């Protein structure tokens, strides 16, 4: 049987411009190594989805300029900060489209 496991670089190359990227919320389970590989890959116009909200994971992809649309029920840095800084700034500047999935 062929192995389905790949390294981070190969996994990041599977994500194309305009793809949906979904992940869980919270600081504890954010796939930061994978998100850094996505940032290096230069992929654009992602539809980023936070299952049960989001935190540093979603805010990171917004801050790199790779997220075009973000879909989540909430995004924040509690207990460290009230707002997710990149999300807040990009939303106010009209640089992303936010969808509420509550």
C-alpha atoms as a PDB file:
ATOM      1  CA  UNK A   1       0.000   0.000   0.000  1.00  0.00           C
ATOM      2  CA  UNK A   2       1.261   3.457  -0.899  1.00  0.00           C
ATOM      3  CA  UNK A   3       1.928   5.819   2.003  1.00  0.00           C
ATOM      4  CA  UNK A   4      -0.250   8.919   2.185  1.00  0.00           C
ATOM      5  CA  UNK A   5       2.026  10.842   4.525  1.00  0.00           C
ATOM      6  CA  UNK A   6       3.906  13.785   3.046  1.00  0.00           C
ATOM      7  CA  UNK A   7       6.137  16.490   4.477  1.00  0.00           C
ATOM      8  CA  UNK A   8       4.984  20.014   5.228  1.00  0.00           C
ATOM      9  CA  UNK A   9       6.380  21.463   1.996  1.00  0.00           C
ATOM     10  CA  UNK A  10       4.601  18.868  -0.143  1.00  0.00           C
ATOM     11  CA  UNK A  11       1.377  19.360   1.803  1.00  0.00           C
ATOM     12  CA  UNK A  12       1.547  23.128   1.320  1.00  0.00           C
ATOM     13  CA  UNK A  13       2.067  22.654  -2.445  1.00  0.00           C
ATOM     14  CA  UNK A  14      -1.299  20.865  -2.596  1.00  0.00           C
ATOM     15  CA  UNK A  15      -3.100  24.081  -1.666  1.00  0.00           C
ATOM     16  CA  UNK A  16      -3.903  26.204  -4.721  1.00  0.00           C
ATOM     17  CA  UNK A  17      -5.037  29.791  -5.165  1.00  0.00           C
ATOM     18  CA  UNK A  18      -8.689  30.154  -4.170  1.00  0.00           C
ATOM     19  CA  UNK A  19      -8.864  26.904  -2.179  1.00  0.00           C
ATOM     20  CA  UNK A  20     -10.766  26.523   1.075  1.00  0.00           C
ATOM     21  CA  UNK A  21      -8.601  25.938   4.133  1.00  0.00           C
ATOM     22  CA  UNK A  22     -10.434  24.781   7.265  1.00  0.00           C
ATOM     23  CA  UNK A  23      -9.030  24.310  10.759  1.00  0.00           C
ATOM     24  CA  UNK A  24     -10.083  24.238  14.368  1.00  0.00           C
ATOM     25  CA  UNK A  25      -9.818  27.168  16.730  1.00  0.00           C
ATOM     26  CA  UNK A  26      -7.582  27.964  19.613  1.00  0.00           C
ATOM     27  CA  UNK A  27      -3.955  28.505  20.405  1.00  0.00           C
ATOM     28  CA  UNK A  28      -3.424  24.899  21.468  1.00  0.00           C
ATOM     29  CA  UNK A  29      -4.286  23.135  18.228  1.00  0.00           C
ATOM     30  CA  UNK A  30      -3.242  25.648  15.568  1.00  0.00           C
ATOM     31  CA  UNK A  31      -1.125  24.003  12.838  1.00  0.00           C
ATOM     32  CA  UNK A  32       1.452  26.815  12.833  1.00  0.00           C
ATOM     33  CA  UNK A  33       4.210  24.881  11.018  1.00  0.00           C
ATOM     34  CA  UNK A  34       1.787  24.170   8.167  1.00  0.00           C
ATOM     35  CA  UNK A  35       0.579  27.766   8.140  1.00  0.00           C
ATOM     36  CA  UNK A  36       4.160  29.012   7.851  1.00  0.00           C
ATOM     37  CA  UNK A  37       4.679  26.695   4.863  1.00  0.00           C
ATOM     38  CA  UNK A  38       1.516  28.095   3.264  1.00  0.00           C
ATOM     39  CA  UNK A  39       2.871  31.597   3.814  1.00  0.00           C
ATOM     40  CA  UNK A  40       6.135  30.656   2.113  1.00  0.00           C
ATOM     41  CA  UNK A  41       4.289  29.059  -0.814  1.00  0.00           C
ATOM     42  CA  UNK A  42       2.694  32.360  -1.816  1.00  0.00           C
ATOM     43  CA  UNK A  43      -0.766  30.884  -2.352  1.00  0.00           C
ATOM     44  CA  UNK A  44      -3.449  33.609  -2.606  1.00  0.00           C
ATOM     45  CA  UNK A  45      -7.183  34.280  -2.353  1.00  0.00           C
ATOM     46  CA  UNK A  46      -7.864  31.578   0.238  1.00  0.00           C
ATOM     47  CA  UNK A  47     -11.292  31.007   1.740  1.00  0.00           C
ATOM     48  CA  UNK A  48     -10.214  30.427   5.339  1.00  0.00           C
ATOM     49  CA  UNK A  49     -12.705  28.619   7.585  1.00  0.00           C
ATOM     50  CA  UNK A  50     -12.525  28.432  11.362  1.00  0.00           C
ATOM     51  CA  UNK A  51     -14.457  25.512  12.800  1.00  0.00           C
ATOM     52  CA  UNK A  52     -15.807  26.712  16.152  1.00  0.00           C
ATOM     53  CA  UNK A  53     -14.095  30.080  15.794  1.00  0.00           C
ATOM     54  CA  UNK A  54     -10.494  31.014  15.289  1.00  0.00           C
ATOM     55  CA  UNK A  55      -7.492  32.676  16.822  1.00  0.00           C
ATOM     56  CA  UNK A  56      -3.848  32.955  15.833  1.00  0.00           C
ATOM     57  CA  UNK A  57      -4.294  30.445  12.998  1.00  0.00           C
ATOM     58  CA  UNK A  58      -6.867  32.451  11.055  1.00  0.00           C
ATOM     59  CA  UNK A  59      -5.321  35.769  12.005  1.00  0.00           C
ATOM     60  CA  UNK A  60      -1.952  34.585  10.688  1.00  0.00           C
ATOM     61  CA  UNK A  61      -3.303  33.794   7.212  1.00  0.00           C
ATOM     62  CA  UNK A  62      -5.145  37.112   7.162  1.00  0.00           C
ATOM     63  CA  UNK A  63      -1.953  38.937   8.144  1.00  0.00           C
ATOM     64  CA  UNK A  64       0.073  37.330   5.359  1.00  0.00           C
ATOM     65  CA  UNK A  65      -2.446  38.683   2.849  1.00  0.00           C
ATOM     66  CA  UNK A  66      -3.388  35.214   1.666  1.00  0.00           C
ATOM     67  CA  UNK A  67      -6.989  35.195   2.913  1.00  0.00           C
ATOM     68  CA  UNK A  68      -9.628  36.722   0.670  1.00  0.00           C
ATOM     69  CA  UNK A  69     -12.640  35.406   2.592  1.00  0.00           C
ATOM     70  CA  UNK A  70     -12.775  34.343   6.215  1.00  0.00           C
ATOM     71  CA  UNK A  71     -15.646  32.300   7.628  1.00  0.00           C
ATOM     72  CA  UNK A  72     -16.000  31.725  11.352  1.00  0.00           C
ATOM     73  CA  UNK A  73     -18.297  32.353  14.290  1.00  0.00           C
ATOM     74  CA  UNK A  74     -15.681  34.370  16.205  1.00  0.00           C
ATOM     75  CA  UNK A  75     -12.013  35.247  16.095  1.00  0.00           C
ATOM     76  CA  UNK A  76     -10.024  36.540  19.013  1.00  0.00           C
ATOM     77  CA  UNK A  77      -6.906  36.258  21.107  1.00  0.00           C
ATOM     78  CA  UNK A  78      -8.558  35.668  24.486  1.00  0.00           C
ATOM     79  CA  UNK A  79      -7.140  35.726  27.152  1.00  0.00           C
ATOM     80  CA  UNK A  80      -4.205  37.649  25.645  1.00  0.00           C
ATOM     81  CA  UNK A  81      -6.062  40.328  23.706  1.00  0.00           C
ATOM     82  CA  UNK A  82      -9.642  41.244  22.922  1.00  0.00           C
ATOM     83  CA  UNK A  83      -9.261  41.410  19.133  1.00  0.00           C
ATOM     84  CA  UNK A  84      -7.281  39.488  16.555  1.00  0.00           C
ATOM     85  CA  UNK A  85      -5.058  42.322  15.260  1.00  0.00           C
ATOM     86  CA  UNK A  86      -4.699  41.370  11.592  1.00  0.00           C
ATOM     87  CA  UNK A  87      -8.350  40.401  11.220  1.00  0.00           C
ATOM     88  CA  UNK A  88      -9.492  43.646  12.846  1.00  0.00           C
ATOM     89  CA  UNK A  89      -7.223  45.802  10.665  1.00  0.00           C
ATOM     90  CA  UNK A  90      -7.934  44.009   7.367  1.00  0.00           C
ATOM     91  CA  UNK A  91     -11.690  44.008   7.993  1.00  0.00           C
ATOM     92  CA  UNK A  92     -11.767  47.739   8.757  1.00  0.00           C
ATOM     93  CA  UNK A  93      -9.697  48.447   5.631  1.00  0.00           C
ATOM     94  CA  UNK A  94     -12.013  46.318   3.465  1.00  0.00           C
ATOM     95  CA  UNK A  95      -9.175  43.966   2.480  1.00  0.00           C
ATOM     96  CA  UNK A  96     -11.069  40.782   3.417  1.00  0.00           C
ATOM     97  CA  UNK A  97     -14.659  39.580   3.252  1.00  0.00           C
ATOM     98  CA  UNK A  98     -15.925  38.090   6.514  1.00  0.00           C
ATOM     99  CA  UNK A  99     -18.750  35.551   6.743  1.00  0.00           C
ATOM    100  CA  UNK A 100     -20.404  34.734  10.076  1.00  0.00           C
ATOM    101  CA  UNK A 101     -21.165  31.017  10.409  1.00  0.00           C
ATOM    102  CA  UNK A 102     -22.903  31.009  13.805  1.00  0.00           C
END
